[in-house]
Amino acid sequence: MDLVHADADLLVVNKPAGLLSVPGRGPDKQDCASARLQRDWPDALVVHRLDQATSGLLLLARGPAMQRALSADFAERRVTKRYVAIVTGRLTGDGWQLIDLPLAADWPRRPRQQVDPLHGKPSQTRWRVLATEGNHTRLELEPLTGRTHQLRVHLAALGHPILGDTLYAPDPERSPRLLLHASELHLPGRMLTLTCPAEF
């Protein structure tokens, strides 16, 4: 993993696609971003997660007090996260637009999530077009809430699933990976903005 930022309070790395953020169940799922970082920084603790298939900026706290403080920043929506994705089809529009669809677990098909107007939790994603690339569209995404698989489910519900999404695209177009990348973290309370361009 590329180390993007390190100081006395936190670490930020560029997590590659295919690597878990935290250990999973079973001996074959112990290799993960947090375990790798704890070899050099034993006090590194997870604050948020990225899906295994998603690449990009992953933040870890240095010690439990900072973990609590940063977790509170996330919970109170004081942290801005931006992503880049390439989706199927051509989207148009100027400026930011909003997807506002409640999400809940799709229990019979876990780990899938689904739009659920009756039992879902409020979920909002802002998006804007960066470029059209043939029959695909490059988007910038800003999740205003932090639900599991939120960006993937919202874009699939819009009719434009992310390329390489084997969970939510009905007929996933061939892609070596999910084309979703956490490209920016803004922590205003700490006067810190970090960026990491997508490799796709």
N, C-alpha and C. Protein backbone atom coordinates (compact mmCIF):
# COMPACT_ATOMS: atom_id res chain seq x y z
N MET A 1 0.84 -1.19 0.00
CA MET A 1 0.00 0.00 0.00
C MET A 1 0.88 1.24 0.00
N ASP A 2 0.44 2.26 -0.72
CA ASP A 2 1.15 3.53 -0.70
C ASP A 2 0.69 4.34 0.51
N LEU A 3 1.65 4.81 1.29
CA LEU A 3 1.34 5.69 2.42
C LEU A 3 1.15 7.10 1.89
N VAL A 4 -0.04 7.67 2.09
CA VAL A 4 -0.36 9.01 1.58
C VAL A 4 -0.05 10.07 2.63
N HIS A 5 -0.28 9.75 3.91
CA HIS A 5 -0.06 10.72 4.98
C HIS A 5 0.17 9.98 6.29
N ALA A 6 1.08 10.49 7.10
CA ALA A 6 1.31 9.94 8.44
C ALA A 6 1.70 11.08 9.37
N ASP A 7 1.07 11.14 10.54
CA ASP A 7 1.49 12.07 11.58
C ASP A 7 1.21 11.41 12.93
N ALA A 8 1.31 12.18 14.00
CA ALA A 8 1.16 11.62 15.34
C ALA A 8 -0.26 11.16 15.63
N ASP A 9 -1.23 11.63 14.83
CA ASP A 9 -2.64 11.33 15.10
C ASP A 9 -3.26 10.30 14.17
N LEU A 10 -2.80 10.27 12.92
CA LEU A 10 -3.50 9.42 11.94
C LEU A 10 -2.59 8.98 10.81
N LEU A 11 -3.08 7.97 10.11
CA LEU A 11 -2.43 7.44 8.92
C LEU A 11 -3.46 7.40 7.80
N VAL A 12 -3.04 7.67 6.58
CA VAL A 12 -3.89 7.51 5.41
C VAL A 12 -3.10 6.76 4.35
N VAL A 13 -3.70 5.69 3.84
CA VAL A 13 -3.06 4.89 2.79
C VAL A 13 -3.96 4.81 1.58
N ASN A 14 -3.37 4.46 0.46
CA ASN A 14 -4.11 4.18 -0.77
C ASN A 14 -4.32 2.67 -0.81
N LYS A 15 -5.48 2.21 -0.37
CA LYS A 15 -5.77 0.78 -0.33
C LYS A 15 -6.01 0.26 -1.75
N PRO A 16 -5.34 -0.82 -2.14
CA PRO A 16 -5.60 -1.36 -3.47
C PRO A 16 -6.92 -2.12 -3.52
N ALA A 17 -7.51 -2.18 -4.69
CA ALA A 17 -8.70 -3.01 -4.89
C ALA A 17 -8.34 -4.46 -4.61
N GLY A 18 -9.27 -5.18 -3.98
CA GLY A 18 -9.06 -6.59 -3.69
C GLY A 18 -8.54 -6.87 -2.31
N LEU A 19 -8.12 -5.84 -1.57
CA LEU A 19 -7.60 -6.01 -0.21
C LEU A 19 -8.69 -5.61 0.79
N LEU A 20 -8.95 -6.47 1.77
CA LEU A 20 -9.89 -6.13 2.83
C LEU A 20 -9.38 -4.95 3.65
N SER A 21 -10.30 -4.16 4.21
CA SER A 21 -9.90 -3.09 5.13
C SER A 21 -9.57 -3.65 6.51
N VAL A 22 -10.37 -4.62 6.97
CA VAL A 22 -10.20 -5.25 8.28
C VAL A 22 -10.28 -6.76 8.09
N PRO A 23 -9.84 -7.54 9.08
CA PRO A 23 -9.89 -9.00 8.91
C PRO A 23 -11.32 -9.50 8.73
N GLY A 24 -11.47 -10.53 7.92
CA GLY A 24 -12.76 -11.18 7.76
C GLY A 24 -12.80 -12.47 8.57
N ARG A 25 -13.84 -13.25 8.35
CA ARG A 25 -13.97 -14.52 9.06
C ARG A 25 -13.16 -15.60 8.35
N GLY A 26 -12.41 -16.35 9.12
CA GLY A 26 -11.64 -17.45 8.55
C GLY A 26 -10.18 -17.10 8.38
N PRO A 27 -9.32 -18.11 8.41
CA PRO A 27 -7.87 -17.86 8.31
C PRO A 27 -7.44 -17.29 6.98
N ASP A 28 -8.24 -17.49 5.93
CA ASP A 28 -7.87 -16.98 4.60
C ASP A 28 -8.22 -15.51 4.42
N LYS A 29 -8.84 -14.90 5.43
CA LYS A 29 -9.26 -13.50 5.31
C LYS A 29 -8.60 -12.62 6.39
N GLN A 30 -7.40 -12.99 6.81
CA GLN A 30 -6.71 -12.22 7.85
C GLN A 30 -5.78 -11.15 7.26
N ASP A 31 -5.36 -11.33 6.02
CA ASP A 31 -4.54 -10.31 5.38
C ASP A 31 -5.44 -9.13 5.01
N CYS A 32 -5.13 -7.96 5.53
CA CYS A 32 -5.97 -6.78 5.32
C CYS A 32 -5.14 -5.53 5.54
N ALA A 33 -5.72 -4.38 5.19
CA ALA A 33 -5.01 -3.11 5.32
C ALA A 33 -4.62 -2.81 6.76
N SER A 34 -5.56 -3.01 7.70
CA SER A 34 -5.25 -2.68 9.09
C SER A 34 -4.13 -3.56 9.64
N ALA A 35 -4.15 -4.87 9.33
CA ALA A 35 -3.10 -5.76 9.82
C ALA A 35 -1.74 -5.38 9.24
N ARG A 36 -1.70 -5.04 7.95
CA ARG A 36 -0.43 -4.65 7.35
C ARG A 36 0.13 -3.39 7.99
N LEU A 37 -0.74 -2.42 8.26
CA LEU A 37 -0.27 -1.17 8.87
C LEU A 37 0.17 -1.37 10.31
N GLN A 38 -0.49 -2.27 11.03
CA GLN A 38 -0.15 -2.48 12.43
C GLN A 38 1.22 -3.12 12.61
N ARG A 39 1.78 -3.67 11.55
CA ARG A 39 3.15 -4.20 11.65
C ARG A 39 4.15 -3.07 11.89
N ASP A 40 3.90 -1.92 11.26
CA ASP A 40 4.81 -0.78 11.43
C ASP A 40 4.29 0.24 12.43
N TRP A 41 2.96 0.32 12.56
CA TRP A 41 2.33 1.25 13.51
C TRP A 41 1.38 0.44 14.40
N PRO A 42 1.88 -0.14 15.48
CA PRO A 42 1.04 -1.01 16.31
C PRO A 42 -0.19 -0.31 16.89
N ASP A 43 -0.18 1.03 16.95
CA ASP A 43 -1.31 1.76 17.52
C ASP A 43 -2.36 2.13 16.47
N ALA A 44 -2.19 1.68 15.22
CA ALA A 44 -3.13 2.04 14.14
C ALA A 44 -4.46 1.33 14.33
N LEU A 45 -5.55 2.11 14.34
CA LEU A 45 -6.90 1.58 14.55
C LEU A 45 -7.83 2.09 13.46
N VAL A 46 -8.71 1.22 12.99
CA VAL A 46 -9.61 1.54 11.88
C VAL A 46 -10.64 2.58 12.32
N VAL A 47 -10.90 3.55 11.45
CA VAL A 47 -11.94 4.56 11.69
C VAL A 47 -13.12 4.34 10.75
N HIS A 48 -12.84 4.02 9.51
CA HIS A 48 -13.89 3.72 8.52
C HIS A 48 -13.37 2.61 7.62
N ARG A 49 -14.21 2.10 6.74
CA ARG A 49 -13.82 0.99 5.87
C ARG A 49 -14.15 1.31 4.42
N LEU A 50 -13.43 0.64 3.56
CA LEU A 50 -13.77 0.61 2.14
C LEU A 50 -14.10 -0.83 1.78
N ASP A 51 -15.04 -1.03 0.87
CA ASP A 51 -15.32 -2.37 0.37
C ASP A 51 -14.02 -3.00 -0.15
N GLN A 52 -13.94 -4.30 -0.06
CA GLN A 52 -12.76 -5.00 -0.56
C GLN A 52 -12.48 -4.65 -2.01
N ALA A 53 -13.52 -4.50 -2.82
CA ALA A 53 -13.34 -4.25 -4.25
C ALA A 53 -13.02 -2.79 -4.58
N THR A 54 -13.14 -1.90 -3.58
CA THR A 54 -12.93 -0.47 -3.79
C THR A 54 -11.50 -0.09 -3.42
N SER A 55 -10.88 0.74 -4.23
CA SER A 55 -9.53 1.24 -3.93
C SER A 55 -9.64 2.65 -3.36
N GLY A 56 -8.50 3.13 -2.85
CA GLY A 56 -8.44 4.54 -2.48
C GLY A 56 -8.11 4.83 -1.03
N LEU A 57 -8.41 6.05 -0.62
CA LEU A 57 -7.96 6.60 0.65
C LEU A 57 -8.67 5.94 1.83
N LEU A 58 -7.87 5.35 2.71
CA LEU A 58 -8.35 4.69 3.92
C LEU A 58 -7.66 5.34 5.10
N LEU A 59 -8.45 5.77 6.08
CA LEU A 59 -7.96 6.51 7.25
C LEU A 59 -7.93 5.61 8.47
N LEU A 60 -6.81 5.65 9.19
CA LEU A 60 -6.69 4.95 10.47
C LEU A 60 -6.18 5.92 11.52
N ALA A 61 -6.66 5.75 12.75
CA ALA A 61 -6.26 6.61 13.87
C ALA A 61 -5.04 6.02 14.56
N ARG A 62 -4.27 6.88 15.21
CA ARG A 62 -3.16 6.44 16.04
C ARG A 62 -3.62 6.44 17.49
N GLY A 63 -4.07 5.28 17.97
CA GLY A 63 -4.48 5.14 19.35
C GLY A 63 -5.97 5.30 19.55
N PRO A 64 -6.50 4.75 20.68
CA PRO A 64 -7.94 4.74 20.91
C PRO A 64 -8.57 6.12 21.10
N ALA A 65 -7.86 7.06 21.71
CA ALA A 65 -8.43 8.40 21.90
C ALA A 65 -8.66 9.08 20.56
N MET A 66 -7.70 8.97 19.66
CA MET A 66 -7.86 9.57 18.34
C MET A 66 -8.89 8.81 17.53
N GLN A 67 -8.98 7.50 17.71
CA GLN A 67 -10.02 6.73 17.03
C GLN A 67 -11.41 7.23 17.43
N ARG A 68 -11.61 7.49 18.71
CA ARG A 68 -12.91 8.01 19.16
C ARG A 68 -13.18 9.38 18.56
N ALA A 69 -12.16 10.24 18.54
CA ALA A 69 -12.35 11.60 18.01
C ALA A 69 -12.66 11.57 16.51
N LEU A 70 -11.92 10.76 15.76
CA LEU A 70 -12.16 10.69 14.32
C LEU A 70 -13.48 10.00 14.00
N SER A 71 -13.83 8.99 14.78
CA SER A 71 -15.12 8.33 14.58
C SER A 71 -16.26 9.31 14.81
N ALA A 72 -16.10 10.19 15.79
CA ALA A 72 -17.11 11.23 16.04
C ALA A 72 -17.19 12.19 14.86
N ASP A 73 -16.05 12.52 14.27
CA ASP A 73 -16.05 13.39 13.09
C ASP A 73 -16.86 12.76 11.95
N PHE A 74 -16.69 11.46 11.75
CA PHE A 74 -17.46 10.76 10.72
C PHE A 74 -18.93 10.72 11.07
N ALA A 75 -19.23 10.39 12.33
CA ALA A 75 -20.63 10.26 12.75
C ALA A 75 -21.38 11.58 12.63
N GLU A 76 -20.69 12.69 12.90
CA GLU A 76 -21.31 14.02 12.83
C GLU A 76 -21.17 14.64 11.44
N ARG A 77 -20.72 13.85 10.49
CA ARG A 77 -20.58 14.29 9.09
C ARG A 77 -19.67 15.50 8.93
N ARG A 78 -18.60 15.50 9.72
CA ARG A 78 -17.61 16.56 9.59
C ARG A 78 -16.49 16.18 8.62
N VAL A 79 -16.56 14.99 8.08
CA VAL A 79 -15.57 14.51 7.11
C VAL A 79 -16.25 14.43 5.75
N THR A 80 -15.62 15.00 4.74
CA THR A 80 -16.14 14.90 3.37
C THR A 80 -15.32 13.85 2.63
N LYS A 81 -16.03 12.91 1.99
CA LYS A 81 -15.38 11.88 1.18
C LYS A 81 -15.84 12.05 -0.26
N ARG A 82 -14.91 11.94 -1.18
CA ARG A 82 -15.23 11.98 -2.60
C ARG A 82 -14.68 10.72 -3.27
N TYR A 83 -15.42 10.25 -4.25
CA TYR A 83 -15.04 9.05 -5.00
C TYR A 83 -15.10 9.36 -6.49
N VAL A 84 -14.39 8.56 -7.26
CA VAL A 84 -14.50 8.56 -8.72
C VAL A 84 -14.98 7.17 -9.13
N ALA A 85 -15.92 7.13 -10.06
CA ALA A 85 -16.44 5.86 -10.57
C ALA A 85 -16.68 5.98 -12.06
N ILE A 86 -16.60 4.86 -12.74
CA ILE A 86 -17.03 4.79 -14.14
C ILE A 86 -18.25 3.88 -14.17
N VAL A 87 -19.35 4.41 -14.73
CA VAL A 87 -20.61 3.68 -14.74
C VAL A 87 -21.02 3.35 -16.17
N THR A 88 -21.91 2.38 -16.30
CA THR A 88 -22.41 2.02 -17.61
C THR A 88 -23.39 3.08 -18.11
N GLY A 89 -23.40 3.28 -19.42
CA GLY A 89 -24.34 4.24 -20.00
C GLY A 89 -23.84 5.67 -19.93
N ARG A 90 -24.60 6.55 -20.55
CA ARG A 90 -24.22 7.96 -20.63
C ARG A 90 -25.15 8.78 -19.76
N LEU A 91 -24.57 9.47 -18.80
CA LEU A 91 -25.30 10.38 -17.93
C LEU A 91 -24.96 11.81 -18.33
N THR A 92 -25.93 12.69 -18.19
CA THR A 92 -25.70 14.09 -18.51
C THR A 92 -26.19 14.94 -17.35
N GLY A 93 -25.84 16.19 -17.39
CA GLY A 93 -26.29 17.12 -16.36
C GLY A 93 -25.16 18.02 -15.93
N ASP A 94 -25.51 19.25 -15.57
CA ASP A 94 -24.53 20.21 -15.08
C ASP A 94 -24.61 20.28 -13.57
N GLY A 95 -23.46 20.31 -12.93
CA GLY A 95 -23.42 20.48 -11.48
C GLY A 95 -23.82 19.22 -10.73
N TRP A 96 -23.92 19.38 -9.43
CA TRP A 96 -24.22 18.26 -8.56
C TRP A 96 -25.69 17.90 -8.60
N GLN A 97 -25.97 16.59 -8.59
CA GLN A 97 -27.33 16.07 -8.49
C GLN A 97 -27.39 15.10 -7.32
N LEU A 98 -28.61 14.76 -6.88
CA LEU A 98 -28.77 14.00 -5.64
C LEU A 98 -29.57 12.72 -5.87
N ILE A 99 -29.07 11.62 -5.32
CA ILE A 99 -29.83 10.37 -5.20
C ILE A 99 -30.25 10.26 -3.74
N ASP A 100 -31.55 10.16 -3.50
CA ASP A 100 -32.08 10.11 -2.13
C ASP A 100 -32.99 8.88 -2.04
N LEU A 101 -32.38 7.72 -1.72
CA LEU A 101 -33.11 6.46 -1.68
C LEU A 101 -32.72 5.71 -0.41
N PRO A 102 -33.69 5.32 0.42
CA PRO A 102 -33.37 4.60 1.66
C PRO A 102 -32.87 3.19 1.37
N LEU A 103 -31.90 2.75 2.17
CA LEU A 103 -31.26 1.45 1.94
C LEU A 103 -31.38 0.55 3.16
N ALA A 104 -31.48 -0.75 2.89
CA ALA A 104 -31.54 -1.76 3.95
C ALA A 104 -30.86 -3.02 3.44
N ALA A 105 -30.53 -3.91 4.38
CA ALA A 105 -29.92 -5.19 4.01
C ALA A 105 -30.92 -6.04 3.24
N ASP A 106 -30.41 -6.74 2.25
CA ASP A 106 -31.20 -7.72 1.49
C ASP A 106 -30.88 -9.09 2.13
N TRP A 107 -31.54 -9.38 3.25
CA TRP A 107 -31.14 -10.51 4.10
C TRP A 107 -31.04 -11.84 3.37
N PRO A 108 -31.98 -12.20 2.49
CA PRO A 108 -31.82 -13.51 1.83
C PRO A 108 -30.59 -13.58 0.93
N ARG A 109 -30.07 -12.41 0.52
CA ARG A 109 -28.95 -12.40 -0.43
C ARG A 109 -27.76 -11.62 0.13
N ARG A 110 -27.54 -11.73 1.44
CA ARG A 110 -26.40 -11.02 2.03
C ARG A 110 -25.10 -11.40 1.32
N PRO A 111 -24.14 -10.47 1.15
CA PRO A 111 -24.06 -9.14 1.76
C PRO A 111 -24.76 -8.04 0.97
N ARG A 112 -25.60 -8.41 0.04
CA ARG A 112 -26.26 -7.39 -0.79
C ARG A 112 -27.14 -6.47 0.05
N GLN A 113 -27.23 -5.23 -0.42
CA GLN A 113 -28.14 -4.23 0.14
C GLN A 113 -29.18 -3.92 -0.93
N GLN A 114 -30.25 -3.22 -0.52
CA GLN A 114 -31.31 -2.91 -1.48
C GLN A 114 -32.00 -1.60 -1.10
N VAL A 115 -32.62 -1.00 -2.10
CA VAL A 115 -33.49 0.15 -1.84
C VAL A 115 -34.75 -0.38 -1.16
N ASP A 116 -35.10 0.22 -0.02
CA ASP A 116 -36.24 -0.26 0.77
C ASP A 116 -36.99 0.95 1.32
N PRO A 117 -38.06 1.40 0.61
CA PRO A 117 -38.78 2.60 1.05
C PRO A 117 -39.46 2.45 2.41
N LEU A 118 -39.77 1.21 2.82
CA LEU A 118 -40.48 1.01 4.08
C LEU A 118 -39.54 0.88 5.27
N HIS A 119 -38.48 0.10 5.13
CA HIS A 119 -37.63 -0.20 6.27
C HIS A 119 -36.21 0.34 6.14
N GLY A 120 -35.90 0.95 5.00
CA GLY A 120 -34.54 1.41 4.77
C GLY A 120 -34.17 2.63 5.58
N LYS A 121 -32.87 2.78 5.81
CA LYS A 121 -32.33 3.96 6.49
C LYS A 121 -32.10 5.06 5.46
N PRO A 122 -32.31 6.32 5.85
CA PRO A 122 -32.08 7.42 4.91
C PRO A 122 -30.67 7.36 4.33
N SER A 123 -30.57 7.54 3.03
CA SER A 123 -29.28 7.40 2.34
C SER A 123 -29.25 8.40 1.18
N GLN A 124 -28.20 9.20 1.15
CA GLN A 124 -28.09 10.24 0.12
C GLN A 124 -26.70 10.24 -0.49
N THR A 125 -26.67 10.38 -1.80
CA THR A 125 -25.42 10.46 -2.56
C THR A 125 -25.51 11.61 -3.55
N ARG A 126 -24.52 12.49 -3.52
CA ARG A 126 -24.40 13.52 -4.56
C ARG A 126 -23.50 13.00 -5.66
N TRP A 127 -23.85 13.37 -6.92
CA TRP A 127 -23.02 12.95 -8.04
C TRP A 127 -22.98 14.03 -9.10
N ARG A 128 -21.89 14.03 -9.85
CA ARG A 128 -21.78 14.93 -11.00
C ARG A 128 -20.93 14.28 -12.07
N VAL A 129 -21.21 14.64 -13.29
CA VAL A 129 -20.50 14.08 -14.44
C VAL A 129 -19.14 14.75 -14.57
N LEU A 130 -18.10 13.93 -14.72
CA LEU A 130 -16.77 14.44 -15.02
C LEU A 130 -16.47 14.34 -16.51
N ALA A 131 -16.91 13.24 -17.14
CA ALA A 131 -16.65 13.05 -18.57
C ALA A 131 -17.47 11.86 -19.07
N THR A 132 -17.77 11.89 -20.36
CA THR A 132 -18.34 10.70 -21.00
C THR A 132 -17.23 10.03 -21.79
N GLU A 133 -17.18 8.71 -21.70
CA GLU A 133 -16.12 7.93 -22.33
C GLU A 133 -16.77 6.80 -23.11
N GLY A 134 -17.10 7.06 -24.36
CA GLY A 134 -17.81 6.08 -25.16
C GLY A 134 -19.21 5.87 -24.60
N ASN A 135 -19.53 4.63 -24.26
CA ASN A 135 -20.84 4.33 -23.68
C ASN A 135 -20.81 4.32 -22.15
N HIS A 136 -19.79 4.93 -21.58
CA HIS A 136 -19.65 4.98 -20.13
C HIS A 136 -19.53 6.43 -19.68
N THR A 137 -19.73 6.64 -18.38
CA THR A 137 -19.63 7.98 -17.81
C THR A 137 -18.75 7.94 -16.57
N ARG A 138 -17.81 8.88 -16.52
CA ARG A 138 -16.97 9.04 -15.33
C ARG A 138 -17.65 10.04 -14.40
N LEU A 139 -17.88 9.62 -13.16
CA LEU A 139 -18.59 10.44 -12.18
C LEU A 139 -17.71 10.76 -10.98
N GLU A 140 -17.98 11.90 -10.37
CA GLU A 140 -17.50 12.19 -9.03
C GLU A 140 -18.68 11.99 -8.09
N LEU A 141 -18.43 11.31 -6.97
CA LEU A 141 -19.49 10.95 -6.03
C LEU A 141 -19.15 11.47 -4.65
N GLU A 142 -20.18 11.92 -3.94
CA GLU A 142 -20.00 12.34 -2.55
C GLU A 142 -21.12 11.73 -1.71
N PRO A 143 -20.82 10.69 -0.93
CA PRO A 143 -21.85 10.12 -0.06
C PRO A 143 -22.12 11.06 1.13
N LEU A 144 -23.37 11.42 1.31
CA LEU A 144 -23.73 12.26 2.45
C LEU A 144 -24.05 11.41 3.68
N THR A 145 -24.32 10.13 3.44
CA THR A 145 -24.49 9.15 4.51
C THR A 145 -23.52 8.01 4.24
N GLY A 146 -23.39 7.10 5.17
CA GLY A 146 -22.38 6.06 5.04
C GLY A 146 -22.92 4.66 5.15
N ARG A 147 -23.89 4.32 4.32
CA ARG A 147 -24.48 2.98 4.35
C ARG A 147 -23.59 1.97 3.59
N THR A 148 -23.73 0.72 3.97
CA THR A 148 -23.00 -0.36 3.29
C THR A 148 -23.37 -0.39 1.80
N HIS A 149 -22.33 -0.39 0.96
CA HIS A 149 -22.50 -0.48 -0.50
C HIS A 149 -23.35 0.68 -1.06
N GLN A 150 -23.41 1.79 -0.35
CA GLN A 150 -24.33 2.87 -0.73
C GLN A 150 -24.13 3.34 -2.17
N LEU A 151 -22.90 3.64 -2.54
CA LEU A 151 -22.67 4.18 -3.89
C LEU A 151 -23.04 3.15 -4.94
N ARG A 152 -22.71 1.91 -4.70
CA ARG A 152 -22.98 0.84 -5.67
C ARG A 152 -24.48 0.64 -5.86
N VAL A 153 -25.23 0.61 -4.74
CA VAL A 153 -26.68 0.39 -4.83
C VAL A 153 -27.37 1.59 -5.45
N HIS A 154 -26.97 2.80 -5.04
CA HIS A 154 -27.61 4.00 -5.58
C HIS A 154 -27.42 4.11 -7.09
N LEU A 155 -26.22 3.84 -7.56
CA LEU A 155 -25.99 3.98 -9.00
C LEU A 155 -26.70 2.87 -9.78
N ALA A 156 -26.75 1.68 -9.22
CA ALA A 156 -27.51 0.61 -9.87
C ALA A 156 -28.98 0.96 -9.93
N ALA A 157 -29.51 1.57 -8.85
CA ALA A 157 -30.92 1.97 -8.83
C ALA A 157 -31.19 3.07 -9.85
N LEU A 158 -30.19 3.87 -10.15
CA LEU A 158 -30.32 4.92 -11.15
C LEU A 158 -30.30 4.34 -12.57
N GLY A 159 -29.96 3.06 -12.66
CA GLY A 159 -29.88 2.41 -13.97
C GLY A 159 -28.50 2.48 -14.59
N HIS A 160 -27.50 2.87 -13.78
CA HIS A 160 -26.13 3.03 -14.28
C HIS A 160 -25.15 2.39 -13.29
N PRO A 161 -25.14 1.05 -13.22
CA PRO A 161 -24.23 0.41 -12.26
C PRO A 161 -22.77 0.69 -12.58
N ILE A 162 -21.95 0.59 -11.55
CA ILE A 162 -20.52 0.80 -11.71
C ILE A 162 -19.91 -0.37 -12.49
N LEU A 163 -19.02 -0.05 -13.41
CA LEU A 163 -18.35 -1.10 -14.18
C LEU A 163 -17.62 -2.06 -13.25
N GLY A 164 -17.76 -3.34 -13.56
CA GLY A 164 -17.09 -4.36 -12.77
C GLY A 164 -17.82 -4.75 -11.51
N ASP A 165 -19.04 -4.25 -11.30
CA ASP A 165 -19.79 -4.57 -10.08
C ASP A 165 -20.51 -5.90 -10.25
N THR A 166 -19.96 -6.93 -9.65
CA THR A 166 -20.53 -8.27 -9.79
C THR A 166 -21.72 -8.50 -8.87
N LEU A 167 -21.95 -7.59 -7.93
CA LEU A 167 -23.11 -7.74 -7.03
C LEU A 167 -24.35 -7.04 -7.56
N TYR A 168 -24.20 -5.87 -8.16
CA TYR A 168 -25.36 -5.04 -8.45
C TYR A 168 -25.60 -4.76 -9.93
N ALA A 169 -24.71 -5.18 -10.78
CA ALA A 169 -24.95 -5.01 -12.22
C ALA A 169 -25.61 -6.28 -12.74
N PRO A 170 -26.78 -6.19 -13.39
CA PRO A 170 -27.45 -7.40 -13.87
C PRO A 170 -26.59 -8.21 -14.84
N ASP A 171 -25.89 -7.52 -15.71
CA ASP A 171 -24.95 -8.16 -16.64
C ASP A 171 -23.65 -7.36 -16.57
N PRO A 172 -22.81 -7.63 -15.57
CA PRO A 172 -21.62 -6.78 -15.38
C PRO A 172 -20.71 -6.80 -16.60
N GLU A 173 -20.40 -5.60 -17.07
CA GLU A 173 -19.47 -5.51 -18.20
C GLU A 173 -18.09 -5.96 -17.74
N ARG A 174 -17.35 -6.51 -18.66
CA ARG A 174 -16.05 -7.04 -18.28
C ARG A 174 -15.13 -5.91 -17.85
N SER A 175 -14.59 -6.08 -16.68
CA SER A 175 -13.63 -5.14 -16.13
C SER A 175 -12.76 -5.92 -15.16
N PRO A 176 -11.47 -5.65 -15.14
CA PRO A 176 -10.60 -6.40 -14.23
C PRO A 176 -10.91 -6.13 -12.76
N ARG A 177 -11.69 -5.08 -12.48
CA ARG A 177 -12.00 -4.73 -11.10
C ARG A 177 -13.21 -3.81 -11.07
N LEU A 178 -13.73 -3.58 -9.87
CA LEU A 178 -14.78 -2.58 -9.68
C LEU A 178 -14.16 -1.20 -9.88
N LEU A 179 -14.74 -0.40 -10.77
CA LEU A 179 -14.16 0.92 -11.07
C LEU A 179 -14.74 1.97 -10.13
N LEU A 180 -14.33 1.86 -8.86
CA LEU A 180 -14.73 2.78 -7.80
C LEU A 180 -13.51 3.05 -6.94
N HIS A 181 -13.21 4.35 -6.73
CA HIS A 181 -11.98 4.74 -6.06
C HIS A 181 -12.25 5.92 -5.13
N ALA A 182 -11.84 5.78 -3.87
CA ALA A 182 -11.95 6.87 -2.89
C ALA A 182 -10.83 7.86 -3.15
N SER A 183 -11.17 9.00 -3.71
CA SER A 183 -10.16 9.91 -4.26
C SER A 183 -9.84 11.11 -3.37
N GLU A 184 -10.69 11.43 -2.39
CA GLU A 184 -10.45 12.62 -1.58
C GLU A 184 -11.04 12.47 -0.18
N LEU A 185 -10.28 12.92 0.80
CA LEU A 185 -10.73 13.01 2.19
C LEU A 185 -10.47 14.42 2.68
N HIS A 186 -11.50 15.04 3.22
CA HIS A 186 -11.36 16.39 3.75
C HIS A 186 -11.78 16.38 5.21
N LEU A 187 -10.83 16.69 6.10
CA LEU A 187 -11.07 16.74 7.54
C LEU A 187 -10.92 18.19 7.99
N PRO A 188 -11.99 18.98 7.91
CA PRO A 188 -11.87 20.41 8.18
C PRO A 188 -11.41 20.72 9.59
N GLY A 189 -11.82 19.92 10.57
CA GLY A 189 -11.41 20.18 11.95
C GLY A 189 -9.92 20.01 12.16
N ARG A 190 -9.27 19.30 11.24
CA ARG A 190 -7.83 19.07 11.36
C ARG A 190 -7.05 19.78 10.25
N MET A 191 -7.77 20.64 9.50
CA MET A 191 -7.14 21.42 8.44
C MET A 191 -6.36 20.51 7.48
N LEU A 192 -7.01 19.41 7.08
CA LEU A 192 -6.32 18.41 6.27
C LEU A 192 -7.21 17.99 5.12
N THR A 193 -6.68 18.09 3.91
CA THR A 193 -7.34 17.56 2.71
C THR A 193 -6.33 16.70 1.98
N LEU A 194 -6.73 15.46 1.70
CA LEU A 194 -5.85 14.52 1.02
C LEU A 194 -6.51 14.04 -0.27
N THR A 195 -5.72 13.91 -1.30
CA THR A 195 -6.25 13.44 -2.59
C THR A 195 -5.39 12.31 -3.11
N CYS A 196 -6.02 11.47 -3.91
CA CYS A 196 -5.33 10.33 -4.49
C CYS A 196 -6.04 9.98 -5.79
N PRO A 197 -5.47 10.27 -6.95
CA PRO A 197 -6.16 10.06 -8.22
C PRO A 197 -6.41 8.58 -8.50
N ALA A 198 -7.50 8.31 -9.19
CA ALA A 198 -7.81 6.93 -9.58
C ALA A 198 -6.82 6.47 -10.64
N GLU A 199 -6.54 5.18 -10.66
CA GLU A 199 -5.63 4.61 -11.64
C GLU A 199 -6.37 4.11 -12.88
N PHE A 200 -7.67 4.41 -12.99
CA PHE A 200 -8.43 4.00 -14.16
C PHE A 200 -9.03 5.22 -14.83
